[in-house]
Amino acid sequence: MKYFFILGTNTALSLAELSAVINISDAQLIGGDFLIVDSPAELNPENLIKELGGIIKIGAIRQKIKSGSEKGALLSAVLELASAKKQASKEGKFNFGFSDYGPRSFDKKDLGAKLKKHFSEQEISSRFVVSREKTLSSVVITQNKLLTRGIEIVLSELEGTIYIGETLAVQFFKDLSLRDYGRPARDDLSGMLPPKLAQIMINLAQVSNEEDLIVDPFCGSGTILSEAMLMGYKNIFGSDLSLKAVDDTKKNISWIKEMYKLKDIKMKFAVKNVLGLSQFIKVESAAAIVTEPYLGPQRGRIEFEEIISELEDLYSGALQEFNKVLVPGGRVVMIWPVFYGNKPINPSISDFQVLNFIPERLRNNPLVKNTTTTRNTIIYGRPGQKVFREIVVLEKE
């Protein structure tokens, strides 16, 4: 069955995450955000999207037609898809909307008017949901109940074929916002890792057994460990040099456990220096280390050369400790800072190999190349930031 995935703003990072979770080696990418995947197994979009931080929508390709002869065929396909959905939906007003992805823009206004006329002739109450944007957002789709009492029809064109899809799941924006801004312990001065990025990092670690140990030795406010718990992992360890950070982690994890009714989770915390990690975690016991370490000062005047030297020493020492506590083949998913002016850091990774999950055939896409480095890592950030994040995935040799 063919599915489509709407990628997040960082194409490379979304592709890497999805590739770590399902096989997308033969996927087709249209523009920078519309990915078509031919899956031999049936997927569960509603469950899958809860654990994918870099995916905005998931849907199924219902029909495809040839470009150039689509005037009547496209309308017929849209009418057939919407009518079938209406028959299967609850009684009451039927809401529908359109999004198109890729370089081609479709006449969605005309299609919507004709579809509404069709429903009117059938004496079916309907509403055409529109947006100022080219695509309908997760917020618009959810607020207008397009997944439960209607349909979002998605259109895209590639190499002479028009793909017509139905959205089946959208990102749980309310939950993500609550976990980001509603948590009881926040430290805006130290920086806050977004829950979506934490999900992506955990997926890149590819820990297959929920009982395997996941460690965050720079736990901060506990975002990574909280998201790991929500993704089903039951054995976590958090440490930090800061007592406040460990206390904040405990508060936030307790809040998450209570809110989502999580049980049977093994948790350990310690106020420790990462350079002594192997003294308080058993050697070769951790399946993965997923962490955002101290990235240097975020405000004020930054002496780049001095900070880069300090961080390289810290990270090199930390990676030596990571090598000791990881099982053979264990993963490190770590963030390194890239300072304004494209100043990267280069800690020693002699005991590890860098992993790149993006399929070879998709690496030359301009939006992928713009955010990947020559060492097969991915740069994540927004324009104007002083410090960008470099997502580094390492495997113990």
Protein backbone atom coordinates (compact mmCIF):
# COMPACT_ATOMS: atom_id res chain seq x y z
CA MET A 1 0.00 0.00 0.00
CA LYS A 2 1.22 3.50 -0.79
CA TYR A 3 1.36 5.98 2.08
CA PHE A 4 2.38 9.62 2.13
CA PHE A 5 4.25 11.43 4.86
CA ILE A 6 4.35 15.21 5.21
CA LEU A 7 7.81 16.06 6.52
CA GLY A 8 8.67 18.78 9.02
CA THR A 9 10.63 21.94 8.27
CA ASN A 10 13.98 20.13 8.32
CA THR A 11 13.70 17.69 5.42
CA ALA A 12 16.93 15.83 6.20
CA LEU A 13 16.06 15.27 9.86
CA SER A 14 12.53 14.06 9.07
CA LEU A 15 13.87 11.64 6.45
CA ALA A 16 16.53 10.31 8.82
CA GLU A 17 13.99 9.71 11.59
CA LEU A 18 11.45 8.02 9.32
CA SER A 19 14.16 5.84 7.77
CA ALA A 20 15.18 4.71 11.27
CA VAL A 21 11.59 3.58 11.94
CA ILE A 22 10.36 2.14 8.60
CA ASN A 23 11.93 1.18 5.28
CA ILE A 24 11.92 4.17 2.92
CA SER A 25 14.80 3.12 0.66
CA ASP A 26 12.59 3.29 -2.47
CA ALA A 27 10.53 6.31 -1.40
CA GLN A 28 9.77 9.20 -3.73
CA LEU A 29 10.26 12.77 -2.48
CA ILE A 30 8.22 15.55 -4.09
CA GLY A 31 9.51 19.01 -3.26
CA GLY A 32 10.94 19.00 0.22
CA ASP A 33 8.03 17.74 2.26
CA PHE A 34 5.87 15.16 0.42
CA LEU A 35 7.20 11.62 0.66
CA ILE A 36 5.49 8.62 -0.95
CA VAL A 37 6.34 5.25 0.59
CA ASP A 38 5.29 1.88 -0.83
CA SER A 39 4.93 -0.27 2.29
CA PRO A 40 4.55 -4.07 2.04
CA ALA A 41 3.00 -4.07 5.51
CA GLU A 42 -0.06 -2.14 6.63
CA LEU A 43 0.85 0.80 8.86
CA ASN A 44 -1.10 2.28 11.76
CA PRO A 45 -0.88 6.04 11.11
CA GLU A 46 -2.71 7.04 14.31
CA ASN A 47 -0.15 5.24 16.50
CA LEU A 48 2.86 5.93 14.31
CA ILE A 49 2.48 9.70 14.27
CA LYS A 50 2.48 9.87 18.08
CA GLU A 51 6.11 8.73 18.06
CA LEU A 52 7.43 10.63 15.03
CA GLY A 53 8.60 14.11 15.95
CA GLY A 54 9.51 15.06 12.38
CA ILE A 55 6.28 14.08 10.62
CA ILE A 56 3.32 16.46 10.28
CA LYS A 57 0.76 14.23 8.53
CA ILE A 58 0.40 10.61 7.45
CA GLY A 59 -2.08 9.45 4.84
CA ALA A 60 -2.82 6.89 2.17
CA ILE A 61 -2.57 7.31 -1.60
CA ARG A 62 -6.05 6.34 -2.82
CA GLN A 63 -5.75 6.98 -6.55
CA LYS A 64 -3.33 8.18 -9.22
CA ILE A 65 -4.00 9.55 -12.70
CA LYS A 66 -1.88 10.68 -15.62
CA SER A 67 -1.05 14.36 -15.90
CA GLY A 68 -2.40 16.20 -18.94
CA SER A 69 -5.68 14.35 -19.13
CA GLU A 70 -6.80 15.01 -15.60
CA LYS A 71 -9.49 17.67 -16.03
CA GLY A 72 -12.42 15.30 -15.76
CA ALA A 73 -10.49 12.43 -14.22
CA LEU A 74 -9.30 14.49 -11.26
CA LEU A 75 -12.79 15.70 -10.42
CA SER A 76 -14.17 12.15 -10.76
CA ALA A 77 -11.48 10.81 -8.44
CA VAL A 78 -12.14 13.52 -5.86
CA LEU A 79 -15.91 12.93 -6.00
CA GLU A 80 -15.44 9.19 -5.61
CA LEU A 81 -13.08 9.54 -2.66
CA ALA A 82 -15.17 12.12 -0.79
CA SER A 83 -18.44 10.27 -1.43
CA ALA A 84 -17.02 7.00 -0.12
CA LYS A 85 -15.77 8.78 2.97
CA LYS A 86 -19.15 10.41 3.53
CA GLN A 87 -20.94 7.06 3.35
CA ALA A 88 -18.62 5.67 6.02
CA SER A 89 -18.85 8.71 8.31
CA LYS A 90 -21.32 9.69 11.00
CA GLU A 91 -24.55 11.54 10.35
CA GLY A 92 -24.39 15.31 10.26
CA LYS A 93 -22.49 17.95 8.32
CA PHE A 94 -19.60 16.65 6.25
CA ASN A 95 -16.49 18.86 6.19
CA PHE A 96 -13.85 18.62 3.49
CA GLY A 97 -10.71 20.44 2.43
CA PHE A 98 -7.71 20.21 0.11
CA SER A 99 -3.94 20.54 0.33
CA ASP A 100 -1.43 20.30 -2.48
CA TYR A 101 2.29 19.67 -2.14
CA GLY A 102 5.20 20.08 -4.51
CA PRO A 103 5.81 22.65 -7.24
CA ARG A 104 2.40 22.35 -8.91
CA SER A 105 -0.61 24.22 -7.55
CA PHE A 106 -4.02 22.70 -8.22
CA ASP A 107 -7.27 24.67 -8.56
CA LYS A 108 -8.56 23.65 -5.14
CA LYS A 109 -11.19 26.40 -5.11
CA ASP A 110 -12.80 25.00 -8.27
CA LEU A 111 -12.63 21.41 -7.02
CA GLY A 112 -14.16 22.44 -3.69
CA ALA A 113 -17.01 24.34 -5.31
CA LYS A 114 -17.87 21.37 -7.55
CA LEU A 115 -17.67 18.95 -4.65
CA LYS A 116 -19.95 21.12 -2.52
CA LYS A 117 -22.43 21.35 -5.43
CA HIS A 118 -22.36 17.56 -5.74
CA PHE A 119 -23.21 17.13 -2.04
CA SER A 120 -25.93 19.77 -2.29
CA GLU A 121 -27.57 17.88 -5.15
CA GLN A 122 -27.49 14.79 -2.95
CA GLU A 123 -29.12 16.84 -0.15
CA ILE A 124 -26.04 16.37 2.00
CA SER A 125 -25.00 19.24 4.26
CA SER A 126 -21.31 19.98 3.75
CA ARG A 127 -18.70 22.66 4.37
CA PHE A 128 -15.64 23.45 2.29
CA VAL A 129 -12.75 24.20 4.69
CA VAL A 130 -10.21 26.63 3.22
CA SER A 131 -6.99 28.26 4.37
CA ARG A 132 -4.89 31.21 3.30
CA GLU A 133 -1.99 28.80 2.99
CA LYS A 134 -1.41 26.30 0.22
CA THR A 135 -1.93 23.46 2.69
CA LEU A 136 -4.22 22.89 5.65
CA SER A 137 -2.38 22.81 8.96
CA SER A 138 -2.80 20.19 11.65
CA VAL A 139 -4.67 22.81 13.68
CA VAL A 140 -7.17 23.53 10.89
CA ILE A 141 -7.68 19.83 10.21
CA THR A 142 -8.27 19.03 13.88
CA GLN A 143 -10.49 22.01 14.66
CA ASN A 144 -12.69 21.29 11.65
CA LYS A 145 -12.88 17.56 12.41
CA LEU A 146 -11.67 16.56 8.95
CA LEU A 147 -10.36 13.24 10.28
CA THR A 148 -13.48 12.29 12.23
CA ARG A 149 -16.39 13.93 10.37
CA GLY A 150 -14.92 14.70 6.98
CA ILE A 151 -11.84 14.39 4.81
CA GLU A 152 -8.68 16.19 3.78
CA ILE A 153 -7.81 15.33 0.18
CA VAL A 154 -4.12 15.74 -0.67
CA LEU A 155 -2.82 16.30 -4.21
CA SER A 156 0.69 16.11 -5.63
CA GLU A 157 2.34 15.53 -8.99
CA LEU A 158 5.55 13.74 -9.91
CA GLU A 159 6.91 12.70 -13.30
CA GLY A 160 3.62 12.77 -15.16
CA THR A 161 1.51 11.24 -12.41
CA ILE A 162 -0.97 12.99 -10.11
CA TYR A 163 -1.27 11.35 -6.70
CA ILE A 164 -4.55 11.70 -4.78
CA GLY A 165 -4.41 10.88 -1.10
CA GLU A 166 -6.44 10.98 2.09
CA THR A 167 -4.96 12.24 5.35
CA LEU A 168 -5.32 9.67 8.14
CA ALA A 169 -3.40 11.25 11.03
CA VAL A 170 -1.88 14.62 11.95
CA GLN A 171 0.64 15.64 14.56
CA PHE A 172 -0.74 15.92 18.09
CA PHE A 173 0.10 19.60 18.41
CA LYS A 174 -1.85 20.14 21.64
CA ASP A 175 -0.02 17.36 23.46
CA LEU A 176 3.36 18.50 22.17
CA SER A 177 2.68 22.09 23.20
CA LEU A 178 1.52 21.00 26.66
CA ARG A 179 4.64 18.88 27.18
CA ASP A 180 6.80 21.78 26.03
CA TYR A 181 5.22 24.80 27.73
CA GLY A 182 3.03 23.22 30.40
CA ARG A 183 5.60 21.19 32.28
CA PRO A 184 6.02 22.19 35.94
CA ALA A 185 9.79 22.76 35.81
CA ARG A 186 11.23 24.91 33.01
CA ASP A 187 14.60 26.59 32.65
CA ASP A 188 14.41 29.03 29.75
CA LEU A 189 17.85 30.48 30.54
CA SER A 190 19.56 27.14 29.93
CA GLY A 191 17.54 26.40 26.81
CA MET A 192 14.76 23.85 26.34
CA LEU A 193 14.95 20.91 24.00
CA PRO A 194 11.66 20.66 22.03
CA PRO A 195 9.77 17.38 22.63
CA LYS A 196 9.60 16.82 18.84
CA LEU A 197 13.39 16.90 18.58
CA ALA A 198 13.69 14.57 21.57
CA GLN A 199 11.37 12.07 19.82
CA ILE A 200 13.49 12.25 16.67
CA MET A 201 16.70 11.63 18.62
CA ILE A 202 15.23 8.62 20.43
CA ASN A 203 14.06 7.12 17.14
CA LEU A 204 17.56 7.58 15.67
CA ALA A 205 18.93 5.48 18.54
CA GLN A 206 16.86 2.50 17.26
CA VAL A 207 16.48 0.79 20.65
CA SER A 208 14.36 -2.26 19.87
CA ASN A 209 13.72 -3.65 23.36
CA GLU A 210 11.59 -1.53 25.71
CA GLU A 211 13.49 -2.95 28.71
CA ASP A 212 16.89 -1.80 27.40
CA LEU A 213 18.61 0.98 29.31
CA ILE A 214 18.48 4.50 27.84
CA VAL A 215 20.77 7.09 29.45
CA ASP A 216 20.76 10.89 29.34
CA PRO A 217 23.87 12.12 31.21
CA PHE A 218 23.02 15.81 30.61
CA CYS A 219 19.37 15.40 31.54
CA GLY A 220 18.55 19.13 31.96
CA SER A 221 14.79 19.27 32.55
CA GLY A 222 14.18 15.64 31.51
CA THR A 223 12.67 16.11 28.04
CA ILE A 224 14.48 13.17 26.44
CA LEU A 225 13.72 10.79 29.30
CA SER A 226 10.07 11.92 29.43
CA GLU A 227 9.61 11.30 25.71
CA ALA A 228 11.37 7.93 25.96
CA MET A 229 8.85 6.87 28.61
CA LEU A 230 5.95 7.99 26.42
CA MET A 231 7.39 5.95 23.54
CA GLY A 232 7.23 2.83 25.70
CA TYR A 233 10.74 2.54 27.12
CA LYS A 234 10.78 1.35 30.71
CA ASN A 235 14.40 1.56 31.86
CA ILE A 236 15.88 5.07 32.04
CA PHE A 237 18.77 6.77 33.79
CA GLY A 238 19.27 10.51 34.07
CA SER A 239 22.21 12.42 35.47
CA ASP A 240 23.53 15.96 35.44
CA LEU A 241 26.19 17.99 37.18
CA SER A 242 23.45 20.38 38.33
CA LEU A 243 21.28 19.44 41.31
CA LYS A 244 18.58 21.81 39.99
CA ALA A 245 18.55 19.99 36.65
CA VAL A 246 18.10 16.60 38.28
CA ASP A 247 15.35 17.96 40.54
CA ASP A 248 13.61 19.51 37.50
CA THR A 249 13.87 16.19 35.67
CA LYS A 250 12.27 14.34 38.58
CA LYS A 251 9.40 16.86 38.75
CA ASN A 252 8.72 16.73 35.02
CA ILE A 253 8.91 12.95 34.83
CA SER A 254 6.50 12.59 37.77
CA TRP A 255 4.13 14.99 35.97
CA ILE A 256 4.36 12.98 32.74
CA LYS A 257 3.83 9.68 34.57
CA GLU A 258 0.71 10.98 36.30
CA MET A 259 -0.76 12.71 33.23
CA TYR A 260 -0.31 9.70 30.93
CA LYS A 261 -0.84 6.99 33.60
CA LEU A 262 2.54 5.37 32.96
CA LYS A 263 3.51 2.38 35.10
CA ASP A 264 6.28 -0.16 35.65
CA ILE A 265 9.14 2.16 34.73
CA LYS A 266 12.62 1.72 36.23
CA MET A 267 14.11 5.14 36.93
CA LYS A 268 17.44 6.17 38.40
CA PHE A 269 18.88 9.67 38.80
CA ALA A 270 22.22 11.01 39.95
CA VAL A 271 23.93 14.36 40.44
CA LYS A 272 27.22 13.39 38.80
CA ASN A 273 29.84 14.63 36.37
CA VAL A 274 29.59 12.96 32.96
CA LEU A 275 33.36 12.41 32.99
CA GLY A 276 32.82 9.80 35.71
CA LEU A 277 29.87 8.06 34.02
CA SER A 278 31.43 4.58 34.08
CA GLN A 279 31.85 4.82 37.85
CA PHE A 280 28.09 4.85 38.47
CA ILE A 281 26.71 3.00 35.44
CA LYS A 282 27.70 -0.60 34.83
CA VAL A 283 30.15 -1.15 31.98
CA GLU A 284 28.48 -2.32 28.73
CA SER A 285 24.96 -2.01 30.17
CA ALA A 286 23.38 0.85 28.18
CA ALA A 287 21.71 0.32 24.80
CA ALA A 288 21.76 4.02 23.94
CA ILE A 289 22.87 7.41 25.20
CA VAL A 290 20.58 10.17 23.94
CA THR A 291 21.52 13.63 25.11
CA GLU A 292 21.83 17.35 24.55
CA PRO A 293 24.92 18.39 26.52
CA TYR A 294 25.99 21.84 27.58
CA LEU A 295 26.26 23.80 24.32
CA GLY A 296 28.18 26.78 25.61
CA PRO A 297 26.85 30.27 26.37
CA GLN A 298 23.67 31.17 24.47
CA ARG A 299 23.69 34.92 25.16
CA GLY A 300 26.11 37.80 25.26
CA ARG A 301 29.55 38.00 23.69
CA ILE A 302 30.90 34.55 22.79
CA GLU A 303 34.62 33.87 22.52
CA PHE A 304 34.20 31.15 19.91
CA GLU A 305 37.71 29.68 19.85
CA GLU A 306 37.84 29.40 23.65
CA ILE A 307 34.37 27.87 23.95
CA ILE A 308 34.95 25.44 21.08
CA SER A 309 38.18 24.21 22.70
CA GLU A 310 36.43 23.71 26.07
CA LEU A 311 33.52 21.83 24.50
CA GLU A 312 35.79 19.61 22.42
CA ASP A 313 37.60 18.56 25.61
CA LEU A 314 34.30 17.97 27.44
CA TYR A 315 32.69 15.99 24.62
CA SER A 316 35.83 13.94 23.91
CA GLY A 317 36.00 12.93 27.56
CA ALA A 318 32.27 12.20 27.65
CA LEU A 319 32.50 10.01 24.53
CA GLN A 320 35.27 7.97 26.16
CA GLU A 321 32.90 7.29 29.05
CA PHE A 322 30.02 6.56 26.68
CA ASN A 323 32.16 3.94 24.98
CA LYS A 324 32.70 2.18 28.30
CA VAL A 325 29.05 1.96 29.37
CA LEU A 326 27.50 1.16 25.97
CA VAL A 327 26.88 -2.37 24.83
CA PRO A 328 28.72 -3.37 21.63
CA GLY A 329 26.86 -1.72 18.76
CA GLY A 330 25.19 0.72 21.15
CA ARG A 331 24.29 4.17 19.88
CA VAL A 332 25.02 7.73 20.91
CA VAL A 333 22.60 10.36 19.63
CA MET A 334 24.05 13.67 20.66
CA ILE A 335 23.76 17.35 19.85
CA TRP A 336 26.80 19.46 19.14
CA PRO A 337 26.62 23.23 18.73
CA VAL A 338 27.35 25.02 15.47
CA PHE A 339 28.10 28.63 16.33
CA TYR A 340 27.22 31.68 14.27
CA GLY A 341 29.47 31.81 11.24
CA ASN A 342 29.34 28.02 10.75
CA LYS A 343 31.92 27.20 13.40
CA PRO A 344 31.58 23.46 14.17
CA ILE A 345 33.36 21.51 16.89
CA ASN A 346 35.45 18.39 16.40
CA PRO A 347 35.64 16.12 19.45
CA SER A 348 37.41 12.78 19.21
CA ILE A 349 35.11 9.99 17.97
CA SER A 350 37.79 7.35 17.38
CA ASP A 351 35.77 4.59 19.08
CA PHE A 352 32.65 5.25 17.01
CA GLN A 353 31.39 5.39 13.45
CA VAL A 354 28.98 8.08 12.22
CA LEU A 355 25.62 6.80 10.95
CA ASN A 356 23.53 8.42 8.22
CA PHE A 357 19.98 7.08 7.86
CA ILE A 358 18.95 9.14 4.84
CA PRO A 359 18.59 6.85 1.79
CA GLU A 360 21.34 7.39 -0.80
CA ARG A 361 18.90 8.27 -3.56
CA LEU A 362 17.45 11.17 -1.54
CA ARG A 363 20.70 12.77 -0.37
CA ASN A 364 21.10 14.98 -3.43
CA ASN A 365 17.80 16.77 -2.89
CA PRO A 366 18.78 20.45 -2.37
CA LEU A 367 16.82 20.75 0.88
CA VAL A 368 18.61 17.67 2.21
CA LYS A 369 22.05 18.83 1.14
CA ASN A 370 21.52 22.29 2.65
CA THR A 371 21.21 20.88 6.17
CA THR A 372 23.65 17.96 6.07
CA THR A 373 27.39 18.11 6.66
CA THR A 374 30.36 16.41 5.04
CA ARG A 375 30.60 14.15 8.10
CA ASN A 376 27.04 12.83 7.57
CA THR A 377 25.40 14.78 10.37
CA ILE A 378 22.37 17.08 10.22
CA ILE A 379 22.14 20.76 11.14
CA TYR A 380 18.94 21.87 12.90
CA GLY A 381 17.93 25.43 13.65
CA ARG A 382 16.01 28.54 12.70
CA PRO A 383 17.31 31.58 10.81
CA GLY A 384 18.74 34.15 13.20
CA GLN A 385 19.84 31.71 15.90
CA LYS A 386 23.33 32.27 17.29
CA VAL A 387 23.79 28.58 17.99
CA PHE A 388 22.46 25.83 15.72
CA ARG A 389 22.24 22.18 16.70
CA GLU A 390 24.19 19.47 14.91
CA ILE A 391 22.50 16.08 15.30
CA VAL A 392 25.21 13.40 15.53
CA VAL A 393 24.44 9.65 15.50
CA LEU A 394 27.35 7.41 16.51
CA GLU A 395 27.59 3.65 16.83
CA LYS A 396 30.10 1.93 19.09
CA GLU A 397 32.49 -0.14 17.02
